Protein backbone atom coordinates (compact mmCIF):
# COMPACT_ATOMS: atom_id res chain seq x y z
CA MET A 1 16.31 -10.96 -6.34
CA THR A 2 16.37 -11.54 -2.60
CA ASP A 3 13.14 -11.79 -0.61
CA GLY A 4 13.72 -8.26 0.70
CA GLU A 5 14.17 -6.89 -2.81
CA GLN A 6 11.04 -8.69 -4.01
CA ILE A 7 9.00 -7.32 -1.09
CA ARG A 8 10.31 -3.80 -1.72
CA ALA A 9 9.31 -4.16 -5.40
CA THR A 10 5.80 -5.15 -4.27
CA ILE A 11 5.72 -2.13 -1.94
CA GLN A 12 6.66 0.08 -4.89
CA THR A 13 3.86 -1.46 -7.00
CA TYR A 14 1.46 -0.84 -4.09
CA PHE A 15 2.52 2.80 -3.86
CA ASP A 16 2.37 3.22 -7.64
CA CYS A 17 -1.22 1.90 -7.68
CA MET A 18 -2.25 4.88 -5.54
CA TYR A 19 0.09 7.48 -7.08
CA GLU A 20 -0.97 6.51 -10.62
CA SER A 21 -4.62 5.65 -9.78
CA SER A 22 -4.07 2.15 -11.21
CA ALA A 23 -6.50 -0.66 -10.38
CA ALA A 24 -4.26 -3.12 -12.27
CA LYS A 25 -1.29 -2.32 -10.01
CA ALA A 26 -3.50 -2.71 -6.92
CA HIS A 27 -4.45 -6.20 -8.06
CA ALA A 28 -0.78 -6.95 -8.81
CA ALA A 29 0.38 -5.91 -5.31
CA PHE A 30 -2.35 -7.54 -3.21
CA HIS A 31 -3.26 -11.18 -2.66
CA GLU A 32 -6.77 -11.83 -3.94
CA ASN A 33 -8.05 -12.45 -0.38
CA ALA A 34 -6.41 -9.39 1.18
CA LYS A 35 -8.26 -6.90 3.34
CA ILE A 36 -7.57 -3.18 3.60
CA THR A 37 -8.62 -1.73 6.94
CA GLY A 38 -7.98 1.40 8.96
CA TYR A 39 -9.31 4.58 10.45
CA LEU A 40 -10.13 7.68 8.45
CA PRO A 41 -11.34 10.90 10.07
CA ASN A 42 -14.96 9.75 9.55
CA GLY A 43 -14.41 6.29 11.10
CA LEU A 44 -13.41 2.74 10.31
CA ALA A 45 -12.91 1.81 6.65
CA GLN A 46 -12.83 -1.82 5.51
CA MET A 47 -12.30 -2.87 1.89
CA SER A 48 -11.66 -5.91 -0.23
CA VAL A 49 -8.96 -5.76 -2.89
CA THR A 50 -11.59 -5.10 -5.55
CA ASP A 51 -13.10 -2.28 -3.47
CA PHE A 52 -9.64 -0.75 -2.94
CA ALA A 53 -8.66 -1.11 -6.60
CA ASP A 54 -11.91 0.54 -7.70
CA PHE A 55 -11.37 3.32 -5.15
CA VAL A 56 -7.82 4.16 -6.27
CA ALA A 57 -8.89 4.06 -9.93
CA SER A 58 -11.64 6.59 -9.18
CA GLN A 59 -9.22 9.14 -7.66
CA PRO A 60 -7.21 11.75 -9.54
CA SER A 61 -3.67 10.60 -10.31
CA GLY A 62 -1.08 12.31 -8.14
CA LYS A 63 1.51 11.51 -10.79
CA ASP A 64 -0.51 13.22 -13.53
CA ALA A 65 -1.06 16.22 -11.23
CA GLY A 66 2.69 16.54 -10.69
CA GLU A 67 2.48 15.86 -6.94
CA THR A 68 5.70 14.95 -5.16
CA ALA A 69 5.82 11.22 -4.47
CA PHE A 70 6.60 10.24 -0.88
CA LEU A 71 7.24 6.64 0.14
CA GLU A 72 9.38 5.47 3.06
CA VAL A 73 9.89 1.87 4.14
CA VAL A 74 10.17 2.32 7.90
CA SER A 75 10.82 -1.34 8.71
CA LEU A 76 10.77 -4.77 7.12
CA ASP A 77 10.83 -8.08 8.99
CA ILE A 78 10.86 -11.38 7.08
CA ALA A 79 10.08 -14.73 8.71
CA GLY A 80 10.12 -17.62 6.25
CA LYS A 81 7.28 -17.10 3.77
CA THR A 82 5.71 -14.25 5.74
CA ALA A 83 6.77 -10.65 6.31
CA ILE A 84 5.64 -7.40 7.90
CA ALA A 85 6.53 -3.93 6.62
CA ARG A 86 5.75 -0.51 8.09
CA VAL A 87 5.44 2.01 5.28
CA ARG A 88 4.87 5.76 5.39
CA ASP A 89 3.37 7.38 2.29
CA ASP A 90 1.45 10.41 1.11
CA TYR A 91 -1.90 9.86 -0.58
CA LEU A 92 -4.86 12.17 -1.24
CA GLY A 93 -3.39 14.97 0.85
CA ASN A 94 -2.69 12.79 3.89
CA ARG A 95 0.37 11.08 5.34
CA PHE A 96 -0.36 7.44 6.12
CA LEU A 97 1.49 4.89 8.22
CA ASP A 98 0.62 1.47 6.77
CA THR A 99 1.31 -1.91 8.31
CA LEU A 100 1.52 -4.37 5.43
CA SER A 101 1.61 -8.13 5.98
CA PHE A 102 3.01 -10.24 3.17
CA LEU A 103 2.65 -13.83 2.10
CA ASN A 104 4.94 -15.66 -0.30
CA GLU A 105 2.87 -17.96 -2.47
CA ASN A 106 4.30 -19.64 -5.58
CA ASP A 107 7.53 -17.62 -5.13
CA GLU A 108 5.63 -14.32 -5.32
CA TRP A 109 5.38 -11.83 -2.44
CA ARG A 110 1.99 -10.13 -2.20
CA ILE A 111 0.28 -8.02 0.44
CA TYR A 112 -2.16 -10.12 2.45
CA ASN A 113 -3.42 -7.40 4.80
CA LYS A 114 -3.10 -3.65 5.06
CA LEU A 115 -3.82 -1.73 8.27
CA PHE A 116 -3.58 2.03 7.86
CA HIS A 117 -3.42 5.05 10.12
CA VAL A 118 -3.63 8.71 9.07
CA GLU A 119 -0.73 10.56 10.73
CA GLY A 120 -1.63 14.00 9.40
CA LYS A 121 -1.38 16.11 6.29
CA ALA A 122 0.82 15.03 3.37
CA GLY A 123 4.29 16.51 3.39
CA ALA A 124 4.41 16.62 7.19
CA ASP A 125 7.78 15.79 8.71
């Protein structure tokens, strides 16, 4: 697989962690030192990978509920062993725009940081 294909596979695992409420997939997608940060309607949210994995595992599974999955890779820029992706996805009734930074360590691409922004309600075009 090319670097781009590997990164896109990691993005899919990241999305699946939320859509399936899977802590294991969250840990698979993120580097152990990653931070998840962004603004929710009630203010700034900051989480470690463990916090994020526990959070997604505590939420109802969109997949089990039959919700329509929405994931769009808006952009992907690779520079050596680092990369940045902008990803739009629906989660918990909201449409998010995520900025994901990636690090390639031991030939494995993992998310090192996630910055998120709520654009509006899920399903919004």
